[in-house]
Amino acid sequence: MAASGTSKSQVYHYFGNKRALVEEVARQQTQRIMESQRPELDTLDSLDALRAWRDKILVLQAAVAHVGGCPLGSLANEVADDDEHTRDVLQGCFAEWEGPLLAGLTAMRDRGDLRPDTDPAALTEAVMAAVQGGLLLTKTQRTSRPLARALDMAIDYVASFTASQPAL
């Protein structure tokens, strides 16, 4: 309220309670993240596309001098334990962000770029864990090196499932 110069009555006029406000912030942050990563986010159906998305994320972090971290991850860290409903909303926000990645990896498997035994959901989870961990370390260390390394390793892991690679 102090940062926006908004009174408590104005906040509660638009948001019935703190939970509703947090939910809207989570949804807004998710949309901002996704918009900032477009168009790369919408075409994650090849290793080259994954690398272009990686590059976009690194450019975005450089633009905020490596201090931004992930607003959605930071919010989740602060409020995910408050109540089950808020945690579910945050989980849904992450799932929305992960959606294009899951769709791209599924398309890669379905067209034969990745082995038939590839689990796109597991790869999506691993890549997003690399994004979140990399963003946290980037914020802490004030360099994008951890984010770049985490994403490079995650993409290399995806590449290990290419149809030309033997099963692990």
N, C-alpha and C. Protein backbone atom coordinates (compact mmCIF):
# COMPACT_ATOMS: atom_id res chain seq x y z
N MET A 1 0.82 -1.18 0.00
CA MET A 1 0.00 0.00 0.00
C MET A 1 0.87 1.25 0.00
N ALA A 2 1.97 1.21 0.76
CA ALA A 2 2.84 2.39 0.83
C ALA A 2 3.48 2.68 -0.52
N ALA A 3 3.94 1.64 -1.21
CA ALA A 3 4.61 1.84 -2.49
C ALA A 3 3.67 2.41 -3.54
N SER A 4 2.41 2.02 -3.50
CA SER A 4 1.46 2.48 -4.51
C SER A 4 0.66 3.70 -4.07
N GLY A 5 0.80 4.09 -2.81
CA GLY A 5 0.01 5.21 -2.32
C GLY A 5 -1.46 4.89 -2.22
N THR A 6 -1.76 3.62 -2.01
CA THR A 6 -3.13 3.14 -1.96
C THR A 6 -3.54 2.92 -0.51
N SER A 7 -4.77 3.28 -0.20
CA SER A 7 -5.25 3.07 1.15
C SER A 7 -5.72 1.62 1.33
N LYS A 8 -5.79 1.21 2.57
CA LYS A 8 -6.25 -0.14 2.88
C LYS A 8 -7.67 -0.36 2.36
N SER A 9 -8.52 0.65 2.48
CA SER A 9 -9.91 0.50 2.00
C SER A 9 -9.97 0.33 0.49
N GLN A 10 -9.07 1.00 -0.24
CA GLN A 10 -9.03 0.83 -1.69
C GLN A 10 -8.59 -0.58 -2.07
N VAL A 11 -7.59 -1.10 -1.36
CA VAL A 11 -7.12 -2.45 -1.63
C VAL A 11 -8.25 -3.45 -1.41
N TYR A 12 -8.94 -3.33 -0.28
CA TYR A 12 -10.00 -4.28 0.03
C TYR A 12 -11.27 -4.05 -0.80
N HIS A 13 -11.35 -2.89 -1.44
CA HIS A 13 -12.46 -2.68 -2.37
C HIS A 13 -12.31 -3.60 -3.59
N TYR A 14 -11.07 -3.78 -4.04
CA TYR A 14 -10.82 -4.61 -5.22
C TYR A 14 -10.47 -6.05 -4.88
N PHE A 15 -9.94 -6.26 -3.70
CA PHE A 15 -9.55 -7.61 -3.28
C PHE A 15 -10.18 -7.89 -1.93
N GLY A 16 -10.97 -8.94 -1.86
CA GLY A 16 -11.70 -9.24 -0.64
C GLY A 16 -10.83 -9.52 0.56
N ASN A 17 -9.63 -10.04 0.30
CA ASN A 17 -8.73 -10.37 1.40
C ASN A 17 -7.30 -10.49 0.87
N LYS A 18 -6.38 -10.75 1.77
CA LYS A 18 -4.97 -10.86 1.38
C LYS A 18 -4.77 -12.01 0.39
N ARG A 19 -5.47 -13.11 0.58
CA ARG A 19 -5.33 -14.26 -0.32
C ARG A 19 -5.67 -13.87 -1.75
N ALA A 20 -6.75 -13.12 -1.94
CA ALA A 20 -7.16 -12.70 -3.29
C ALA A 20 -6.12 -11.79 -3.92
N LEU A 21 -5.54 -10.93 -3.11
CA LEU A 21 -4.48 -10.04 -3.61
C LEU A 21 -3.26 -10.85 -4.04
N VAL A 22 -2.84 -11.79 -3.22
CA VAL A 22 -1.68 -12.63 -3.54
C VAL A 22 -1.95 -13.43 -4.81
N GLU A 23 -3.15 -13.97 -4.94
CA GLU A 23 -3.51 -14.73 -6.15
C GLU A 23 -3.39 -13.87 -7.39
N GLU A 24 -3.88 -12.65 -7.33
CA GLU A 24 -3.81 -11.77 -8.49
C GLU A 24 -2.36 -11.39 -8.80
N VAL A 25 -1.57 -11.17 -7.78
CA VAL A 25 -0.15 -10.87 -8.00
C VAL A 25 0.52 -12.06 -8.68
N ALA A 26 0.23 -13.27 -8.23
CA ALA A 26 0.82 -14.47 -8.83
C ALA A 26 0.43 -14.57 -10.30
N ARG A 27 -0.82 -14.34 -10.60
CA ARG A 27 -1.27 -14.43 -12.00
C ARG A 27 -0.64 -13.34 -12.86
N GLN A 28 -0.55 -12.14 -12.32
CA GLN A 28 0.08 -11.04 -13.06
C GLN A 28 1.56 -11.33 -13.31
N GLN A 29 2.27 -11.83 -12.31
CA GLN A 29 3.68 -12.15 -12.47
C GLN A 29 3.87 -13.25 -13.52
N THR A 30 2.99 -14.23 -13.50
CA THR A 30 3.07 -15.31 -14.49
C THR A 30 2.92 -14.74 -15.89
N GLN A 31 1.94 -13.88 -16.09
CA GLN A 31 1.74 -13.28 -17.41
C GLN A 31 2.93 -12.43 -17.83
N ARG A 32 3.49 -11.68 -16.91
CA ARG A 32 4.65 -10.84 -17.23
C ARG A 32 5.85 -11.70 -17.63
N ILE A 33 6.07 -12.76 -16.89
CA ILE A 33 7.18 -13.66 -17.20
C ILE A 33 7.00 -14.24 -18.59
N MET A 34 5.81 -14.75 -18.85
CA MET A 34 5.56 -15.40 -20.14
C MET A 34 5.67 -14.40 -21.29
N GLU A 35 5.12 -13.21 -21.11
CA GLU A 35 5.21 -12.20 -22.17
C GLU A 35 6.66 -11.81 -22.43
N SER A 36 7.45 -11.71 -21.38
CA SER A 36 8.85 -11.30 -21.56
C SER A 36 9.66 -12.35 -22.31
N GLN A 37 9.22 -13.60 -22.28
CA GLN A 37 9.96 -14.69 -22.92
C GLN A 37 9.43 -15.04 -24.30
N ARG A 38 8.47 -14.27 -24.77
CA ARG A 38 7.94 -14.50 -26.12
C ARG A 38 8.77 -13.73 -27.13
N PRO A 39 8.87 -14.21 -28.35
CA PRO A 39 8.17 -15.36 -28.95
C PRO A 39 8.86 -16.70 -28.68
N GLU A 40 10.06 -16.67 -28.12
CA GLU A 40 10.82 -17.92 -27.92
C GLU A 40 10.04 -18.94 -27.11
N LEU A 41 9.34 -18.51 -26.10
CA LEU A 41 8.60 -19.42 -25.24
C LEU A 41 7.55 -20.23 -26.00
N ASP A 42 7.02 -19.66 -27.05
CA ASP A 42 5.92 -20.31 -27.77
C ASP A 42 6.36 -21.35 -28.79
N THR A 43 7.65 -21.53 -28.99
CA THR A 43 8.12 -22.47 -30.02
C THR A 43 9.27 -23.32 -29.49
N LEU A 44 9.06 -23.98 -28.37
CA LEU A 44 10.11 -24.78 -27.74
C LEU A 44 10.08 -26.23 -28.23
N ASP A 45 10.08 -26.42 -29.54
CA ASP A 45 9.92 -27.76 -30.08
C ASP A 45 11.16 -28.28 -30.82
N SER A 46 12.32 -27.76 -30.44
CA SER A 46 13.59 -28.27 -30.97
C SER A 46 14.70 -27.87 -30.01
N LEU A 47 15.84 -28.53 -30.14
CA LEU A 47 16.98 -28.16 -29.30
C LEU A 47 17.44 -26.74 -29.60
N ASP A 48 17.41 -26.34 -30.86
CA ASP A 48 17.76 -24.96 -31.21
C ASP A 48 16.81 -23.97 -30.57
N ALA A 49 15.52 -24.30 -30.55
CA ALA A 49 14.53 -23.42 -29.93
C ALA A 49 14.75 -23.33 -28.42
N LEU A 50 15.09 -24.45 -27.78
CA LEU A 50 15.39 -24.43 -26.35
C LEU A 50 16.59 -23.53 -26.07
N ARG A 51 17.59 -23.60 -26.93
CA ARG A 51 18.77 -22.75 -26.75
C ARG A 51 18.45 -21.27 -26.97
N ALA A 52 17.57 -20.98 -27.92
CA ALA A 52 17.16 -19.59 -28.14
C ALA A 52 16.39 -19.06 -26.92
N TRP A 53 15.55 -19.90 -26.32
CA TRP A 53 14.82 -19.53 -25.11
C TRP A 53 15.79 -19.28 -23.97
N ARG A 54 16.79 -20.14 -23.84
CA ARG A 54 17.84 -19.97 -22.84
C ARG A 54 18.51 -18.61 -23.03
N ASP A 55 18.87 -18.30 -24.26
CA ASP A 55 19.53 -17.02 -24.54
C ASP A 55 18.63 -15.84 -24.17
N LYS A 56 17.34 -15.97 -24.45
CA LYS A 56 16.39 -14.90 -24.11
C LYS A 56 16.34 -14.69 -22.60
N ILE A 57 16.29 -15.77 -21.84
CA ILE A 57 16.25 -15.66 -20.39
C ILE A 57 17.52 -14.98 -19.87
N LEU A 58 18.66 -15.32 -20.45
CA LEU A 58 19.92 -14.70 -20.02
C LEU A 58 19.94 -13.21 -20.36
N VAL A 59 19.42 -12.84 -21.51
CA VAL A 59 19.34 -11.42 -21.87
C VAL A 59 18.43 -10.68 -20.89
N LEU A 60 17.32 -11.30 -20.53
CA LEU A 60 16.40 -10.67 -19.58
C LEU A 60 17.07 -10.46 -18.22
N GLN A 61 17.85 -11.42 -17.77
CA GLN A 61 18.55 -11.27 -16.50
C GLN A 61 19.62 -10.19 -16.58
N ALA A 62 20.31 -10.12 -17.70
CA ALA A 62 21.33 -9.08 -17.87
C ALA A 62 20.69 -7.70 -17.83
N ALA A 63 19.47 -7.60 -18.36
CA ALA A 63 18.78 -6.31 -18.39
C ALA A 63 18.45 -5.78 -17.00
N VAL A 64 18.33 -6.68 -16.04
CA VAL A 64 18.06 -6.26 -14.65
C VAL A 64 19.32 -6.40 -13.80
N ALA A 65 20.47 -6.43 -14.46
CA ALA A 65 21.78 -6.50 -13.79
C ALA A 65 21.88 -7.69 -12.84
N HIS A 66 21.22 -8.79 -13.21
CA HIS A 66 21.30 -10.05 -12.47
C HIS A 66 20.76 -9.96 -11.05
N VAL A 67 19.94 -8.95 -10.75
CA VAL A 67 19.41 -8.82 -9.40
C VAL A 67 17.93 -9.21 -9.31
N GLY A 68 17.32 -9.47 -10.43
CA GLY A 68 15.88 -9.69 -10.42
C GLY A 68 15.44 -11.04 -9.89
N GLY A 69 16.17 -12.10 -10.20
CA GLY A 69 15.69 -13.41 -9.83
C GLY A 69 14.38 -13.71 -10.53
N CYS A 70 13.56 -14.51 -9.93
CA CYS A 70 12.25 -14.85 -10.50
C CYS A 70 11.16 -14.32 -9.58
N PRO A 71 10.34 -13.39 -10.05
CA PRO A 71 9.29 -12.85 -9.18
C PRO A 71 8.28 -13.91 -8.75
N LEU A 72 7.98 -14.86 -9.61
CA LEU A 72 7.05 -15.91 -9.24
C LEU A 72 7.68 -16.86 -8.22
N GLY A 73 8.94 -17.21 -8.45
CA GLY A 73 9.64 -18.07 -7.49
C GLY A 73 9.79 -17.40 -6.13
N SER A 74 10.08 -16.11 -6.14
CA SER A 74 10.21 -15.36 -4.88
C SER A 74 8.87 -15.32 -4.15
N LEU A 75 7.80 -15.07 -4.88
CA LEU A 75 6.47 -15.05 -4.28
C LEU A 75 6.13 -16.42 -3.70
N ALA A 76 6.41 -17.46 -4.47
CA ALA A 76 6.12 -18.83 -3.99
C ALA A 76 6.89 -19.12 -2.71
N ASN A 77 8.14 -18.69 -2.66
CA ASN A 77 8.94 -18.91 -1.46
C ASN A 77 8.32 -18.21 -0.25
N GLU A 78 7.73 -17.06 -0.47
CA GLU A 78 7.16 -16.27 0.63
C GLU A 78 5.80 -16.78 1.11
N VAL A 79 4.96 -17.26 0.20
CA VAL A 79 3.56 -17.51 0.59
C VAL A 79 3.06 -18.93 0.36
N ALA A 80 3.85 -19.81 -0.24
CA ALA A 80 3.33 -21.15 -0.57
C ALA A 80 2.91 -21.94 0.65
N ASP A 81 3.48 -21.64 1.79
CA ASP A 81 3.12 -22.38 3.01
C ASP A 81 1.96 -21.75 3.77
N ASP A 82 1.45 -20.61 3.28
CA ASP A 82 0.38 -19.92 4.01
C ASP A 82 -0.90 -20.73 4.07
N ASP A 83 -1.30 -21.27 2.93
CA ASP A 83 -2.50 -22.11 2.90
C ASP A 83 -2.49 -22.94 1.62
N GLU A 84 -3.28 -23.99 1.64
CA GLU A 84 -3.32 -24.94 0.52
C GLU A 84 -3.84 -24.28 -0.76
N HIS A 85 -4.82 -23.42 -0.63
CA HIS A 85 -5.38 -22.76 -1.81
C HIS A 85 -4.34 -21.89 -2.51
N THR A 86 -3.60 -21.11 -1.75
CA THR A 86 -2.56 -20.26 -2.34
C THR A 86 -1.49 -21.11 -3.01
N ARG A 87 -1.12 -22.20 -2.37
CA ARG A 87 -0.13 -23.11 -2.97
C ARG A 87 -0.66 -23.68 -4.28
N ASP A 88 -1.93 -24.03 -4.32
CA ASP A 88 -2.53 -24.55 -5.55
C ASP A 88 -2.52 -23.50 -6.66
N VAL A 89 -2.81 -22.25 -6.31
CA VAL A 89 -2.77 -21.17 -7.29
C VAL A 89 -1.36 -21.03 -7.84
N LEU A 90 -0.36 -21.03 -6.98
CA LEU A 90 1.03 -20.92 -7.41
C LEU A 90 1.42 -22.11 -8.28
N GLN A 91 1.01 -23.29 -7.89
CA GLN A 91 1.29 -24.47 -8.70
C GLN A 91 0.68 -24.32 -10.09
N GLY A 92 -0.54 -23.78 -10.16
CA GLY A 92 -1.17 -23.53 -11.44
C GLY A 92 -0.43 -22.51 -12.28
N CYS A 93 0.12 -21.49 -11.62
CA CYS A 93 0.90 -20.47 -12.34
C CYS A 93 2.16 -21.09 -12.93
N PHE A 94 2.84 -21.89 -12.15
CA PHE A 94 4.03 -22.57 -12.69
C PHE A 94 3.65 -23.52 -13.82
N ALA A 95 2.54 -24.22 -13.68
CA ALA A 95 2.09 -25.13 -14.75
C ALA A 95 1.78 -24.35 -16.03
N GLU A 96 1.22 -23.16 -15.89
CA GLU A 96 0.94 -22.34 -17.07
C GLU A 96 2.24 -21.96 -17.77
N TRP A 97 3.24 -21.56 -17.00
CA TRP A 97 4.54 -21.19 -17.55
C TRP A 97 5.22 -22.40 -18.19
N GLU A 98 5.07 -23.56 -17.57
CA GLU A 98 5.67 -24.79 -18.09
C GLU A 98 4.96 -25.32 -19.32
N GLY A 99 3.72 -24.92 -19.54
CA GLY A 99 2.90 -25.46 -20.62
C GLY A 99 3.56 -25.45 -21.99
N PRO A 100 4.11 -24.32 -22.42
CA PRO A 100 4.75 -24.31 -23.74
C PRO A 100 5.96 -25.25 -23.82
N LEU A 101 6.69 -25.37 -22.74
CA LEU A 101 7.84 -26.28 -22.71
C LEU A 101 7.36 -27.73 -22.81
N LEU A 102 6.36 -28.07 -22.05
CA LEU A 102 5.80 -29.43 -22.11
C LEU A 102 5.27 -29.73 -23.51
N ALA A 103 4.57 -28.77 -24.10
CA ALA A 103 4.04 -28.97 -25.45
C ALA A 103 5.17 -29.17 -26.46
N GLY A 104 6.22 -28.38 -26.34
CA GLY A 104 7.35 -28.50 -27.26
C GLY A 104 8.07 -29.83 -27.13
N LEU A 105 8.32 -30.24 -25.90
CA LEU A 105 9.02 -31.52 -25.68
C LEU A 105 8.15 -32.70 -26.13
N THR A 106 6.84 -32.59 -25.92
CA THR A 106 5.93 -33.64 -26.38
C THR A 106 5.94 -33.71 -27.90
N ALA A 107 5.93 -32.55 -28.55
CA ALA A 107 5.99 -32.53 -30.02
C ALA A 107 7.29 -33.15 -30.52
N MET A 108 8.39 -32.88 -29.84
CA MET A 108 9.68 -33.46 -30.24
C MET A 108 9.63 -34.98 -30.14
N ARG A 109 9.06 -35.49 -29.05
CA ARG A 109 8.95 -36.94 -28.90
C ARG A 109 8.01 -37.52 -29.95
N ASP A 110 6.87 -36.89 -30.14
CA ASP A 110 5.86 -37.43 -31.04
C ASP A 110 6.32 -37.45 -32.50
N ARG A 111 7.17 -36.52 -32.89
CA ARG A 111 7.64 -36.53 -34.28
C ARG A 111 8.93 -37.33 -34.44
N GLY A 112 9.41 -37.91 -33.34
CA GLY A 112 10.57 -38.79 -33.42
C GLY A 112 11.91 -38.13 -33.16
N ASP A 113 11.93 -36.86 -32.80
CA ASP A 113 13.19 -36.20 -32.47
C ASP A 113 13.76 -36.71 -31.15
N LEU A 114 12.86 -37.07 -30.23
CA LEU A 114 13.25 -37.67 -28.96
C LEU A 114 12.77 -39.12 -28.95
N ARG A 115 13.46 -39.95 -28.22
CA ARG A 115 13.11 -41.37 -28.15
C ARG A 115 11.67 -41.56 -27.66
N PRO A 116 11.03 -42.64 -28.07
CA PRO A 116 9.64 -42.89 -27.65
C PRO A 116 9.49 -43.05 -26.14
N ASP A 117 10.56 -43.48 -25.44
CA ASP A 117 10.48 -43.66 -24.00
C ASP A 117 10.70 -42.36 -23.22
N THR A 118 10.85 -41.25 -23.92
CA THR A 118 11.06 -39.96 -23.27
C THR A 118 9.80 -39.53 -22.52
N ASP A 119 9.99 -39.02 -21.32
CA ASP A 119 8.88 -38.51 -20.50
C ASP A 119 8.94 -36.97 -20.54
N PRO A 120 8.15 -36.34 -21.42
CA PRO A 120 8.21 -34.88 -21.54
C PRO A 120 7.91 -34.16 -20.22
N ALA A 121 7.00 -34.71 -19.41
CA ALA A 121 6.67 -34.07 -18.14
C ALA A 121 7.87 -34.06 -17.20
N ALA A 122 8.62 -35.16 -17.15
CA ALA A 122 9.81 -35.22 -16.30
C ALA A 122 10.88 -34.25 -16.80
N LEU A 123 11.06 -34.18 -18.12
CA LEU A 123 12.04 -33.24 -18.67
C LEU A 123 11.62 -31.80 -18.40
N THR A 124 10.35 -31.51 -18.52
CA THR A 124 9.85 -30.16 -18.23
C THR A 124 10.15 -29.78 -16.79
N GLU A 125 9.87 -30.70 -15.89
CA GLU A 125 10.13 -30.43 -14.47
C GLU A 125 11.61 -30.19 -14.23
N ALA A 126 12.47 -30.96 -14.85
CA ALA A 126 13.91 -30.79 -14.68
C ALA A 126 14.39 -29.45 -15.24
N VAL A 127 13.90 -29.08 -16.41
CA VAL A 127 14.31 -27.81 -17.02
C VAL A 127 13.83 -26.64 -16.16
N MET A 128 12.59 -26.70 -15.69
CA MET A 128 12.09 -25.60 -14.87
C MET A 128 12.79 -25.53 -13.52
N ALA A 129 13.19 -26.66 -12.98
CA ALA A 129 13.98 -26.64 -11.75
C ALA A 129 15.33 -25.97 -12.01
N ALA A 130 15.90 -26.22 -13.18
CA ALA A 130 17.16 -25.55 -13.55
C ALA A 130 16.94 -24.04 -13.69
N VAL A 131 15.82 -23.65 -14.28
CA VAL A 131 15.51 -22.22 -14.41
C VAL A 131 15.41 -21.58 -13.02
N GLN A 132 14.62 -22.18 -12.15
CA GLN A 132 14.42 -21.59 -10.82
C GLN A 132 15.70 -21.57 -9.99
N GLY A 133 16.41 -22.67 -9.97
CA GLY A 133 17.67 -22.70 -9.23
C GLY A 133 18.69 -21.74 -9.81
N GLY A 134 18.75 -21.70 -11.13
CA GLY A 134 19.68 -20.80 -11.79
C GLY A 134 19.35 -19.34 -11.52
N LEU A 135 18.07 -19.00 -11.51
CA LEU A 135 17.67 -17.63 -11.23
C LEU A 135 17.99 -17.24 -9.78
N LEU A 136 17.77 -18.16 -8.86
CA LEU A 136 18.09 -17.88 -7.47
C LEU A 136 19.58 -17.63 -7.29
N LEU A 137 20.41 -18.49 -7.86
CA LEU A 137 21.86 -18.31 -7.73
C LEU A 137 22.34 -17.08 -8.49
N THR A 138 21.71 -16.77 -9.61
CA THR A 138 22.05 -15.56 -10.36
C THR A 138 21.77 -14.33 -9.51
N LYS A 139 20.63 -14.33 -8.84
CA LYS A 139 20.29 -13.20 -7.97
C LYS A 139 21.28 -13.09 -6.81
N THR A 140 21.63 -14.23 -6.23
CA THR A 140 22.53 -14.25 -5.08
C THR A 140 23.95 -13.86 -5.46
N GLN A 141 24.45 -14.39 -6.58
CA GLN A 141 25.84 -14.16 -6.98
C GLN A 141 26.03 -12.94 -7.87
N ARG A 142 24.93 -12.34 -8.34
CA ARG A 142 24.99 -11.17 -9.22
C ARG A 142 25.74 -11.44 -10.52
N THR A 143 25.57 -12.65 -11.01
CA THR A 143 26.12 -13.04 -12.31
C THR A 143 25.19 -14.10 -12.89
N SER A 144 25.05 -14.09 -14.20
CA SER A 144 24.17 -15.07 -14.85
C SER A 144 24.86 -16.41 -15.10
N ARG A 145 26.09 -16.54 -14.69
CA ARG A 145 26.82 -17.79 -14.90
C ARG A 145 26.07 -19.02 -14.37
N PRO A 146 25.54 -19.00 -13.12
CA PRO A 146 24.82 -20.20 -12.64
C PRO A 146 23.58 -20.52 -13.48
N LEU A 147 22.88 -19.49 -13.92
CA LEU A 147 21.70 -19.71 -14.75
C LEU A 147 22.09 -20.30 -16.09
N ALA A 148 23.12 -19.75 -16.70
CA ALA A 148 23.59 -20.26 -17.99
C ALA A 148 24.02 -21.72 -17.86
N ARG A 149 24.78 -22.02 -16.83
CA ARG A 149 25.24 -23.41 -16.64
C ARG A 149 24.09 -24.36 -16.38
N ALA A 150 23.15 -23.95 -15.53
CA ALA A 150 22.02 -24.82 -15.22
C ALA A 150 21.18 -25.09 -16.47
N LEU A 151 20.94 -24.05 -17.26
CA LEU A 151 20.15 -24.25 -18.48
C LEU A 151 20.92 -25.06 -19.52
N ASP A 152 22.21 -24.81 -19.65
CA ASP A 152 23.01 -25.61 -20.58
C ASP A 152 22.96 -27.09 -20.20
N MET A 153 23.11 -27.37 -18.91
CA MET A 153 23.08 -28.77 -18.47
C MET A 153 21.69 -29.38 -18.66
N ALA A 154 20.65 -28.60 -18.41
CA ALA A 154 19.29 -29.11 -18.59
C ALA A 154 19.02 -29.40 -20.06
N ILE A 155 19.44 -28.51 -20.94
CA ILE A 155 19.24 -28.72 -22.38
C ILE A 155 20.09 -29.89 -22.86
N ASP A 156 21.29 -30.02 -22.34
CA ASP A 156 22.12 -31.19 -22.68
C ASP A 156 21.43 -32.48 -22.23
N TYR A 157 20.76 -32.43 -21.10
CA TYR A 157 20.03 -33.60 -20.62
C TYR A 157 18.89 -33.93 -21.58
N VAL A 158 18.16 -32.91 -22.02
CA VAL A 158 17.11 -33.15 -23.01
C VAL A 158 17.73 -33.77 -24.26
N ALA A 159 18.88 -33.25 -24.69
CA ALA A 159 19.55 -33.76 -25.89
C ALA A 159 19.96 -35.23 -25.73
N SER A 160 20.18 -35.65 -24.49
CA SER A 160 20.55 -37.06 -24.28
C SER A 160 19.41 -38.00 -24.62
N PHE A 161 18.21 -37.48 -24.82
CA PHE A 161 17.06 -38.28 -25.20
C PHE A 161 16.78 -38.23 -26.70
N THR A 162 17.67 -37.60 -27.48
CA THR A 162 17.42 -37.57 -28.91
C THR A 162 17.39 -38.99 -29.45
N ALA A 163 16.65 -39.14 -30.51
CA ALA A 163 16.42 -40.49 -31.07
C ALA A 163 17.72 -41.19 -31.44
N SER A 164 18.77 -40.45 -31.73
CA SER A 164 20.03 -41.06 -32.12
C SER A 164 20.84 -41.53 -30.92
N GLN A 165 20.42 -41.15 -29.69
CA GLN A 165 21.13 -41.56 -28.48
C GLN A 165 20.57 -42.87 -27.94
N PRO A 166 21.42 -43.74 -27.41
CA PRO A 166 20.92 -44.96 -26.78
C PRO A 166 20.18 -44.63 -25.47
N ALA A 167 19.26 -45.50 -25.07
CA ALA A 167 18.53 -45.29 -23.82
C ALA A 167 19.48 -45.27 -22.65
N LEU A 168 19.16 -44.43 -21.66
CA LEU A 168 20.00 -44.31 -20.45
C LEU A 168 19.88 -45.54 -19.58
